[in-house]
């Protein structure tokens, strides 16, 4: 192999970047000239948008078969350093070994991490669903509570953050707790968020439906407040109220992976590198940045990709294609994704589907829930390890929307 593309990360963006890069190399007939390497802790695609759910059994499908089918090499480890001037990265392997790898094109697709501010007790007593390990820890904790004496605190869950993850986790929680404690058990779920109204960031069109869902599910809200401290027995809010709870779940905010800070250029308040329309780092022509570590315009109307699998899937395809196209002589492709949709899972109430950046509601309850199931159980999962089928949906302008 005379040239190398290294992709850091095997989440939605990194996974599809690898497939798209392999497709472009194949189209140019350069399979023997360009190698694609993915560096990530394991060859699994963690289905992160579903980690709020109770059943975690299918949340990390193995993607070794896909990589083998398209000729991608996987290295188990993490990228621990980047030297853009010399076009090298430092890799720490899963067994603790260290090596320096050279690249011709580098794709940063390491995603985002939950923002963990220095709130007393958050690191030691709080739970989250940011990773499969964290979601598993929460699940084990909830199930273990069934063996504890029944108290109001045992049966109470406080969720800090009323965004998508907080709302979806809260809507799932009453049924989840009753499944553990018994169908007739009185449970309490409380969402705390600094917004003037829980769900305000979803949009004004969605708010009446969110209110209806939360009321129907019996979920209590504390708008305009923050969690200021956490301990094993509850949480204290910014107005001084203490909520007795054995479980406090933190869902408040995301930040780009720290590797983004090593790439020269302007970064936004979330730590994302602001990239050009080809998802190239503006000061480093051999580096492409994609998914949650990139701030990229989706259209010419001033809208930018958000940290979501919806955008990561398409951005991954574009970044992978362009990294390979640079090397094999194919045209590069501008990232554009003008259609924006959201689908918010609201537990047994149903779901809420919106279209457009103003988030106009199109479907609610059962109709929206059917769309959500299709997204969660089919669209975001890796396809079968069939080369032709993989390449058929890996072109950079392929976008899945309902």
Protein backbone atom coordinates (compact mmCIF):
# COMPACT_ATOMS: atom_id res chain seq x y z
CA UNK A 1 0.00 0.00 0.00
CA UNK A 2 1.49 3.36 -0.99
CA UNK A 3 -1.04 5.65 0.69
CA UNK A 4 -3.05 5.51 3.91
CA UNK A 5 -6.31 6.97 5.18
CA UNK A 6 -6.70 6.79 8.95
CA UNK A 7 -10.11 7.28 10.54
CA UNK A 8 -10.28 7.91 14.28
CA UNK A 9 -13.55 6.58 15.67
CA UNK A 10 -16.08 3.92 14.66
CA UNK A 11 -19.29 5.63 15.66
CA UNK A 12 -21.87 6.61 13.06
CA UNK A 13 -19.60 9.11 11.31
CA UNK A 14 -16.44 7.00 11.44
CA UNK A 15 -18.20 3.80 10.38
CA UNK A 16 -19.73 5.41 7.31
CA UNK A 17 -16.56 7.33 6.52
CA UNK A 18 -14.74 4.00 6.26
CA UNK A 19 -17.36 2.52 3.93
CA UNK A 20 -17.54 5.62 1.76
CA UNK A 21 -13.76 5.87 1.50
CA UNK A 22 -13.56 2.21 0.48
CA UNK A 23 -16.28 2.78 -2.10
CA UNK A 24 -14.38 5.71 -3.67
CA UNK A 25 -11.15 3.70 -3.75
CA UNK A 26 -12.99 0.83 -5.43
CA UNK A 27 -14.60 3.14 -7.99
CA UNK A 28 -11.15 4.38 -8.95
CA UNK A 29 -9.74 0.85 -9.07
CA UNK A 30 -7.12 1.72 -6.46
CA UNK A 31 -7.73 -1.06 -3.92
CA UNK A 32 -4.07 -2.07 -4.02
CA UNK A 33 -2.81 1.50 -3.69
CA UNK A 34 -4.74 2.98 -0.74
CA UNK A 35 -5.33 1.43 2.68
CA UNK A 36 -8.13 2.47 5.03
CA UNK A 37 -7.47 2.05 8.76
CA UNK A 38 -10.00 2.67 11.55
CA UNK A 39 -8.73 3.23 15.08
CA UNK A 40 -11.27 2.79 17.88
CA UNK A 41 -11.48 0.85 21.15
CA UNK A 42 -13.52 -1.95 19.55
CA UNK A 43 -15.01 -2.85 16.18
CA UNK A 44 -18.52 -2.15 17.37
CA UNK A 45 -21.03 0.51 16.44
CA UNK A 46 -22.58 1.63 19.71
CA UNK A 47 -26.19 2.65 19.11
CA UNK A 48 -25.83 5.64 21.38
CA UNK A 49 -29.22 7.26 20.64
CA UNK A 50 -30.94 4.24 22.23
CA UNK A 51 -28.99 4.04 25.49
CA UNK A 52 -31.88 5.59 27.41
CA UNK A 53 -33.83 2.35 26.86
CA UNK A 54 -34.07 -0.52 29.34
CA UNK A 55 -33.00 -3.35 27.01
CA UNK A 56 -29.33 -2.83 26.15
CA UNK A 57 -28.79 -6.22 24.53
CA UNK A 58 -28.42 -5.06 20.92
CA UNK A 59 -26.74 -1.69 21.43
CA UNK A 60 -23.25 -2.52 20.14
CA UNK A 61 -23.41 -4.59 16.93
CA UNK A 62 -20.12 -6.06 15.73
CA UNK A 63 -18.81 -4.38 12.57
CA UNK A 64 -15.78 -6.60 11.99
CA UNK A 65 -17.65 -8.38 9.23
CA UNK A 66 -18.34 -5.13 7.40
CA UNK A 67 -14.72 -4.03 7.66
CA UNK A 68 -13.50 -7.41 6.43
CA UNK A 69 -15.91 -7.33 3.51
CA UNK A 70 -14.69 -3.95 2.25
CA UNK A 71 -11.00 -4.35 3.12
CA UNK A 72 -10.77 -1.94 6.06
CA UNK A 73 -8.21 -2.66 8.79
CA UNK A 74 -9.26 -2.05 12.38
CA UNK A 75 -6.83 -1.22 15.18
CA UNK A 76 -8.17 -1.63 18.70
CA UNK A 77 -7.10 1.43 20.65
CA UNK A 78 -7.37 5.20 20.79
CA UNK A 79 -5.69 8.08 19.03
CA UNK A 80 -3.70 9.84 21.73
CA UNK A 81 -1.95 12.54 19.74
CA UNK A 82 -1.81 14.26 16.38
CA UNK A 83 1.09 15.92 14.53
CA UNK A 84 -0.50 17.58 11.54
CA UNK A 85 2.80 18.96 10.28
CA UNK A 86 4.35 15.52 9.98
CA UNK A 87 1.06 13.78 9.17
CA UNK A 88 1.31 11.31 12.02
CA UNK A 89 -0.87 10.16 14.90
CA UNK A 90 -0.03 8.46 18.16
CA UNK A 91 -2.04 5.34 18.96
CA UNK A 92 -2.38 3.65 22.33
CA UNK A 93 -3.56 0.09 21.72
CA UNK A 94 -5.92 -1.79 23.97
CA UNK A 95 -3.02 -3.81 25.38
CA UNK A 96 -1.16 -0.64 26.35
CA UNK A 97 1.26 -0.59 23.44
CA UNK A 98 2.12 2.67 21.72
CA UNK A 99 2.92 3.37 18.09
CA UNK A 100 3.13 6.25 15.66
CA UNK A 101 1.27 5.89 12.38
CA UNK A 102 1.71 8.01 9.27
CA UNK A 103 -1.24 9.07 7.16
CA UNK A 104 -1.87 10.71 3.82
CA UNK A 105 -5.39 11.69 4.83
CA UNK A 106 -6.81 11.72 8.36
CA UNK A 107 -10.51 11.71 9.27
CA UNK A 108 -11.39 12.77 12.81
CA UNK A 109 -14.67 11.10 13.81
CA UNK A 110 -14.26 10.64 17.56
CA UNK A 111 -17.67 12.09 18.40
CA UNK A 112 -18.73 13.85 21.58
CA UNK A 113 -18.81 13.28 25.30
CA UNK A 114 -21.24 14.25 28.01
CA UNK A 115 -20.34 17.54 29.65
CA UNK A 116 -19.56 16.87 33.31
CA UNK A 117 -19.23 20.16 35.21
CA UNK A 118 -17.66 20.26 38.69
CA UNK A 119 -20.96 19.84 40.54
CA UNK A 120 -20.44 18.31 43.98
CA UNK A 121 -21.25 14.61 43.90
CA UNK A 122 -21.88 14.36 40.16
CA UNK A 123 -18.84 12.20 39.37
CA UNK A 124 -19.33 9.88 42.35
CA UNK A 125 -23.10 9.67 42.81
CA UNK A 126 -24.60 10.65 39.45
CA UNK A 127 -25.56 8.33 36.60
CA UNK A 128 -25.76 8.92 32.85
CA UNK A 129 -26.49 7.15 29.56
CA UNK A 130 -23.65 8.63 27.51
CA UNK A 131 -21.86 5.32 26.93
CA UNK A 132 -22.91 1.69 26.92
CA UNK A 133 -20.86 1.15 30.07
CA UNK A 134 -22.63 4.04 31.83
CA UNK A 135 -26.06 2.87 30.67
CA UNK A 136 -25.29 -0.65 31.92
CA UNK A 137 -24.20 0.74 35.28
CA UNK A 138 -27.50 2.64 35.58
CA UNK A 139 -29.50 -0.45 34.64
CA UNK A 140 -27.70 -2.57 37.25
CA UNK A 141 -28.29 0.13 39.86
CA UNK A 142 -32.02 0.34 39.14
CA UNK A 143 -32.45 -3.42 39.27
CA UNK A 144 -30.51 -3.63 42.53
CA UNK A 145 -32.92 -1.12 44.11
CA UNK A 146 -35.63 -3.81 43.99
CA UNK A 147 -33.83 -5.42 46.94
CA UNK A 148 -33.80 -2.20 48.98
CA UNK A 149 -36.59 -1.21 51.38
CA UNK A 150 -39.38 0.65 49.63
CA UNK A 151 -39.13 4.38 50.29
CA UNK A 152 -40.00 7.52 48.41
CA UNK A 153 -36.33 8.03 47.63
CA UNK A 154 -35.90 4.50 46.27
CA UNK A 155 -38.83 5.03 43.92
CA UNK A 156 -37.71 8.49 42.74
CA UNK A 157 -35.51 9.34 39.77
CA UNK A 158 -34.25 12.88 39.15
CA UNK A 159 -33.15 13.69 35.60
CA UNK A 160 -30.95 16.77 35.18
CA UNK A 161 -31.52 18.10 31.68
CA UNK A 162 -34.68 18.42 29.64
CA UNK A 163 -33.24 18.08 26.15
CA UNK A 164 -33.75 15.08 23.86
CA UNK A 165 -31.86 12.59 26.01
CA UNK A 166 -33.43 13.82 29.24
CA UNK A 167 -36.95 13.74 27.86
CA UNK A 168 -36.56 10.32 26.27
CA UNK A 169 -35.00 8.88 29.40
CA UNK A 170 -37.68 10.41 31.61
CA UNK A 171 -40.53 9.14 29.43
CA UNK A 172 -39.11 5.62 29.56
CA UNK A 173 -38.52 5.68 33.30
CA UNK A 174 -42.01 5.24 34.87
CA UNK A 175 -42.61 2.00 32.99
CA UNK A 176 -39.05 0.88 33.59
CA UNK A 177 -39.35 1.41 37.34
CA UNK A 178 -42.68 -0.39 37.56
CA UNK A 179 -41.22 -3.30 35.63
CA UNK A 180 -38.55 -3.54 38.35
CA UNK A 181 -40.59 -2.70 41.45
CA UNK A 182 -44.03 -3.98 40.49
CA UNK A 183 -46.90 -2.66 38.39
CA UNK A 184 -48.76 -1.09 41.32
CA UNK A 185 -45.73 0.70 42.79
CA UNK A 186 -45.97 4.47 43.12
CA UNK A 187 -42.97 5.97 41.33
CA UNK A 188 -41.78 9.54 40.88
CA UNK A 189 -39.76 10.96 37.99
CA UNK A 190 -38.65 14.61 38.08
CA UNK A 191 -36.99 16.57 35.25
CA UNK A 192 -34.89 19.59 36.23
CA UNK A 193 -33.85 22.06 33.54
CA UNK A 194 -32.85 25.76 33.49
CA UNK A 195 -35.17 26.52 30.56
CA UNK A 196 -38.35 28.45 31.30
CA UNK A 197 -40.30 25.36 30.25
CA UNK A 198 -39.26 21.73 29.97
CA UNK A 199 -38.95 20.89 26.28
CA UNK A 200 -38.62 24.49 25.14
CA UNK A 201 -35.56 23.69 23.00
CA UNK A 202 -37.63 21.21 20.98
CA UNK A 203 -39.70 24.12 19.65
CA UNK A 204 -42.94 25.97 20.27
CA UNK A 205 -44.93 23.70 17.97
CA UNK A 206 -43.87 20.67 20.00
CA UNK A 207 -44.43 22.10 23.48
CA UNK A 208 -48.17 21.36 23.84
CA UNK A 209 -47.56 17.72 22.94
CA UNK A 210 -44.60 17.43 25.32
CA UNK A 211 -46.71 18.89 28.13
CA UNK A 212 -49.48 16.40 27.37
CA UNK A 213 -47.05 13.49 27.30
CA UNK A 214 -45.31 14.42 30.56
CA UNK A 215 -48.63 14.98 32.31
CA UNK A 216 -50.00 11.69 31.01
CA UNK A 217 -46.92 9.83 32.19
CA UNK A 218 -47.05 11.48 35.61
CA UNK A 219 -43.64 13.10 35.23
CA UNK A 220 -42.98 16.13 37.43
CA UNK A 221 -41.03 19.13 36.16
CA UNK A 222 -38.81 21.77 37.75
CA UNK A 223 -38.22 24.39 35.03
CA UNK A 224 -35.91 27.35 35.53
CA UNK A 225 -33.69 25.44 37.97
CA UNK A 226 -30.41 23.55 38.04
CA UNK A 227 -29.08 20.64 40.04
CA UNK A 228 -26.36 22.13 42.26
CA UNK A 229 -25.25 19.07 44.21
CA UNK A 230 -25.81 15.32 44.27
CA UNK A 231 -25.31 12.66 46.89
CA UNK A 232 -26.35 9.04 47.35
CA UNK A 233 -29.67 10.11 48.83
CA UNK A 234 -30.80 12.83 46.44
CA UNK A 235 -30.17 16.16 44.76
CA UNK A 236 -30.28 19.81 45.75
CA UNK A 237 -31.67 22.35 43.29
CA UNK A 238 -30.65 25.95 42.70
CA UNK A 239 -33.66 27.26 44.67
CA UNK A 240 -32.63 25.24 47.71
CA UNK A 241 -35.15 22.44 47.26
CA UNK A 242 -33.85 18.99 48.09
CA UNK A 243 -35.35 16.00 46.30
CA UNK A 244 -34.85 12.69 48.04
CA UNK A 245 -33.87 10.20 45.34
CA UNK A 246 -31.70 7.12 45.08
CA UNK A 247 -31.09 7.84 41.40
CA UNK A 248 -29.96 11.10 39.76
CA UNK A 249 -29.27 10.96 36.01
CA UNK A 250 -27.21 13.68 34.32
CA UNK A 251 -28.10 14.47 30.67
CA UNK A 252 -27.20 18.16 30.51
CA UNK A 253 -25.09 18.96 27.48
CA UNK A 254 -22.45 17.57 25.15
CA UNK A 255 -18.93 18.59 24.18
CA UNK A 256 -16.80 17.57 21.20
CA UNK A 257 -14.08 15.02 21.82
CA UNK A 258 -10.85 16.65 22.99
CA UNK A 259 -8.87 15.63 19.87
CA UNK A 260 -10.71 18.35 17.97
CA UNK A 261 -8.77 20.93 19.98
CA UNK A 262 -5.49 19.65 18.50
CA UNK A 263 -6.48 20.67 14.99
CA UNK A 264 -5.72 24.34 14.22
CA UNK A 265 -8.68 26.50 13.35
CA UNK A 266 -11.72 28.17 14.87
CA UNK A 267 -13.75 26.12 17.34
CA UNK A 268 -17.28 26.78 18.58
CA UNK A 269 -18.52 26.83 22.18
CA UNK A 270 -19.01 23.04 22.06
CA UNK A 271 -15.41 22.45 21.02
CA UNK A 272 -16.28 21.55 17.42
CA UNK A 273 -13.91 22.58 14.65
CA UNK A 274 -15.56 24.85 12.09
CA UNK A 275 -14.94 23.12 8.77
CA UNK A 276 -15.46 24.06 5.14
CA UNK A 277 -18.21 22.67 2.93
CA UNK A 278 -16.07 19.63 2.07
CA UNK A 279 -15.61 18.90 5.81
CA UNK A 280 -11.93 19.73 5.52
CA UNK A 281 -10.04 21.38 8.35
CA UNK A 282 -9.49 24.87 6.95
CA UNK A 283 -5.82 25.07 7.94
CA UNK A 284 -4.88 21.44 7.35
CA UNK A 285 -5.69 20.21 3.86
CA UNK A 286 -4.99 16.56 4.66
CA UNK A 287 -7.42 16.43 7.60
CA UNK A 288 -11.19 15.96 7.42
CA UNK A 289 -13.43 16.39 10.45
CA UNK A 290 -16.86 14.83 10.67
CA UNK A 291 -19.77 14.02 12.97
CA UNK A 292 -19.98 15.57 16.42
CA UNK A 293 -16.47 17.06 16.28
CA UNK A 294 -17.34 19.22 13.26
CA UNK A 295 -19.45 22.35 12.89
CA UNK A 296 -20.61 22.27 9.29
CA UNK A 297 -23.23 24.21 7.37
CA UNK A 298 -26.12 22.03 6.25
CA UNK A 299 -27.43 24.56 3.72
CA UNK A 300 -27.05 28.17 2.58
CA UNK A 301 -29.66 29.46 5.03
CA UNK A 302 -27.41 29.65 8.09
CA UNK A 303 -28.21 26.23 9.58
CA UNK A 304 -25.53 23.93 10.97
CA UNK A 305 -25.38 20.24 11.73
CA UNK A 306 -26.25 19.29 15.29
CA UNK A 307 -24.77 16.51 17.39
CA UNK A 308 -27.05 13.74 16.16
CA UNK A 309 -26.81 10.47 14.26
CA UNK A 310 -29.00 12.05 11.55
CA UNK A 311 -26.17 14.40 10.63
CA UNK A 312 -23.28 12.09 11.55
CA UNK A 313 -24.42 9.45 9.05
CA UNK A 314 -24.34 11.86 6.12
CA UNK A 315 -21.27 13.77 7.27
CA UNK A 316 -19.38 10.49 7.62
CA UNK A 317 -20.18 9.53 4.06
CA UNK A 318 -18.99 12.90 2.74
CA UNK A 319 -15.78 13.02 4.79
CA UNK A 320 -14.80 9.46 3.91
CA UNK A 321 -15.48 9.99 0.22
CA UNK A 322 -13.55 13.25 0.11
CA UNK A 323 -10.55 11.85 1.97
CA UNK A 324 -10.29 9.04 -0.59
CA UNK A 325 -11.23 11.18 -3.59
CA UNK A 326 -8.29 13.46 -2.80
CA UNK A 327 -5.93 10.52 -3.23
CA UNK A 328 -7.47 8.63 -6.14
CA UNK A 329 -8.45 11.50 -8.41
CA UNK A 330 -12.22 11.52 -8.02
CA UNK A 331 -14.27 14.72 -7.62
CA UNK A 332 -14.83 15.79 -4.04
CA UNK A 333 -18.32 16.41 -2.73
CA UNK A 334 -19.81 19.32 -0.77
CA UNK A 335 -21.73 18.43 2.37
CA UNK A 336 -25.33 19.60 2.20
CA UNK A 337 -28.26 18.24 4.23
CA UNK A 338 -31.10 20.75 3.94
CA UNK A 339 -33.87 18.51 5.30
CA UNK A 340 -33.91 18.41 9.08
CA UNK A 341 -36.22 16.20 11.11
CA UNK A 342 -36.51 15.17 14.74
CA UNK A 343 -38.28 12.21 16.31
CA UNK A 344 -38.64 12.33 20.08
CA UNK A 345 -39.51 9.11 21.92
CA UNK A 346 -42.06 9.77 24.67
CA UNK A 347 -42.44 6.34 26.17
CA UNK A 348 -45.87 4.75 26.39
CA UNK A 349 -47.49 8.04 25.31
CA UNK A 350 -45.98 7.63 21.84
CA UNK A 351 -43.54 9.92 20.04
CA UNK A 352 -43.28 13.31 18.37
CA UNK A 353 -42.01 13.82 14.82
CA UNK A 354 -41.10 17.26 13.47
CA UNK A 355 -39.78 18.64 10.19
CA UNK A 356 -37.76 21.74 9.44
CA UNK A 357 -35.44 23.87 11.52
CA UNK A 358 -38.50 25.50 13.08
CA UNK A 359 -39.56 21.97 14.13
CA UNK A 360 -43.12 21.90 12.91
CA UNK A 361 -44.98 18.89 14.25
CA UNK A 362 -46.05 16.43 11.55
CA UNK A 363 -46.90 13.24 13.46
CA UNK A 364 -47.65 12.45 17.09
CA UNK A 365 -48.32 9.46 19.31
CA UNK A 366 -48.64 6.12 17.46
CA UNK A 367 -47.82 7.44 13.97
CA UNK A 368 -44.64 9.07 15.25
CA UNK A 369 -43.83 6.04 17.40
CA UNK A 370 -43.83 3.82 14.32
CA UNK A 371 -41.33 6.15 12.65
CA UNK A 372 -39.19 6.17 15.79
CA UNK A 373 -39.13 2.36 15.88
CA UNK A 374 -38.04 2.28 12.24
CA UNK A 375 -35.25 4.77 12.94
CA UNK A 376 -34.10 3.07 16.13
CA UNK A 377 -34.33 -0.53 15.02
CA UNK A 378 -33.48 -0.38 11.30
CA UNK A 379 -32.11 2.82 9.80
CA UNK A 380 -29.27 3.55 12.20
CA UNK A 381 -28.03 -0.04 12.42
CA UNK A 382 -25.16 -1.26 10.22
CA UNK A 383 -26.24 -3.06 7.04
CA UNK A 384 -25.37 -6.65 6.29
CA UNK A 385 -21.76 -7.34 5.35
CA UNK A 386 -22.39 -7.39 1.62
CA UNK A 387 -19.96 -5.27 -0.40
CA UNK A 388 -22.34 -4.25 -3.18
CA UNK A 389 -25.14 -3.42 -0.75
CA UNK A 390 -22.80 -1.41 1.47
CA UNK A 391 -21.40 0.59 -1.42
CA UNK A 392 -24.89 1.22 -2.79
CA UNK A 393 -25.77 3.32 0.28
CA UNK A 394 -22.31 4.77 0.94
CA UNK A 395 -22.29 7.41 -1.78
CA UNK A 396 -21.86 10.89 -0.29
CA UNK A 397 -25.28 12.20 -1.33
CA UNK A 398 -27.23 9.30 0.20
CA UNK A 399 -29.50 10.59 2.95
CA UNK A 400 -32.09 8.59 4.91
CA UNK A 401 -35.08 10.64 6.00
CA UNK A 402 -38.68 9.56 6.68
